[in-house]
Amino acid sequence: MQKSLATQETRLLDLLARVTRYSIAENGTLTVETPDGETVVARR
């Protein structure tokens, strides 16, 4: 795995460990949020 991909993976896993809120929209979009306001949005 390239270093940049490993860095992204580590950051995502860290963020996911801190998620306190999530929502799934009607179109299937998943949004997760941490207490400090960081968010990740996933779409198909």
C-alpha atoms as a PDB file:
ATOM      1  CA  MET A   1       0.000   0.000   0.000  1.00  0.00           C
ATOM      2  CA  GLN A   2       1.289   3.451  -0.827  1.00  0.00           C
ATOM      3  CA  LYS A   3       2.126   5.752   2.061  1.00  0.00           C
ATOM      4  CA  SER A   4      -0.553   8.279   1.097  1.00  0.00           C
ATOM      5  CA  LEU A   5      -3.229   5.575   1.017  1.00  0.00           C
ATOM      6  CA  ALA A   6      -2.077   4.230   4.376  1.00  0.00           C
ATOM      7  CA  THR A   7      -2.265   7.742   5.817  1.00  0.00           C
ATOM      8  CA  GLN A   8      -5.806   8.184   4.485  1.00  0.00           C
ATOM      9  CA  GLU A   9      -6.839   4.809   5.875  1.00  0.00           C
ATOM     10  CA  THR A  10      -5.405   5.602   9.306  1.00  0.00           C
ATOM     11  CA  ARG A  11      -7.164   8.978   9.381  1.00  0.00           C
ATOM     12  CA  LEU A  12     -10.497   7.434   8.344  1.00  0.00           C
ATOM     13  CA  LEU A  13     -10.263   4.677  10.955  1.00  0.00           C
ATOM     14  CA  ASP A  14      -9.423   7.260  13.631  1.00  0.00           C
ATOM     15  CA  LEU A  15     -12.413   9.358  12.615  1.00  0.00           C
ATOM     16  CA  LEU A  16     -14.745   6.344  12.553  1.00  0.00           C
ATOM     17  CA  ALA A  17     -13.681   5.433  16.094  1.00  0.00           C
ATOM     18  CA  ARG A  18     -14.887   8.873  17.228  1.00  0.00           C
ATOM     19  CA  VAL A  19     -18.249   8.964  15.422  1.00  0.00           C
ATOM     20  CA  THR A  20     -21.143   9.983  17.651  1.00  0.00           C
ATOM     21  CA  ARG A  21     -23.778  10.652  15.020  1.00  0.00           C
ATOM     22  CA  TYR A  22     -24.753   9.289  11.632  1.00  0.00           C
ATOM     23  CA  SER A  23     -27.566   9.638   9.126  1.00  0.00           C
ATOM     24  CA  ILE A  24     -28.642   7.833   5.984  1.00  0.00           C
ATOM     25  CA  ALA A  25     -30.504   9.910   3.412  1.00  0.00           C
ATOM     26  CA  GLU A  26     -33.274   8.568   1.199  1.00  0.00           C
ATOM     27  CA  ASN A  27     -30.807   8.338  -1.693  1.00  0.00           C
ATOM     28  CA  GLY A  28     -28.523   6.112   0.403  1.00  0.00           C
ATOM     29  CA  THR A  29     -25.929   8.754   1.272  1.00  0.00           C
ATOM     30  CA  LEU A  30     -24.265   7.972   4.599  1.00  0.00           C
ATOM     31  CA  THR A  31     -23.021  10.895   6.691  1.00  0.00           C
ATOM     32  CA  VAL A  32     -21.032  10.321   9.887  1.00  0.00           C
ATOM     33  CA  GLU A  33     -20.008  13.062  12.321  1.00  0.00           C
ATOM     34  CA  THR A  34     -17.614  13.375  15.258  1.00  0.00           C
ATOM     35  CA  PRO A  35     -18.202  15.549  18.348  1.00  0.00           C
ATOM     36  CA  ASP A  36     -15.765  18.159  17.013  1.00  0.00           C
ATOM     37  CA  GLY A  37     -17.668  18.507  13.724  1.00  0.00           C
ATOM     38  CA  GLU A  38     -15.552  16.388  11.380  1.00  0.00           C
ATOM     39  CA  THR A  39     -17.722  14.609   8.825  1.00  0.00           C
ATOM     40  CA  VAL A  40     -17.417  11.931   6.190  1.00  0.00           C
ATOM     41  CA  VAL A  41     -19.999  11.546   3.445  1.00  0.00           C
ATOM     42  CA  ALA A  42     -20.199   8.276   1.507  1.00  0.00           C
ATOM     43  CA  ARG A  43     -22.211   7.804  -1.666  1.00  0.00           C
ATOM     44  CA  ARG A  44     -22.667   4.898  -4.030  1.00  0.00           C
END
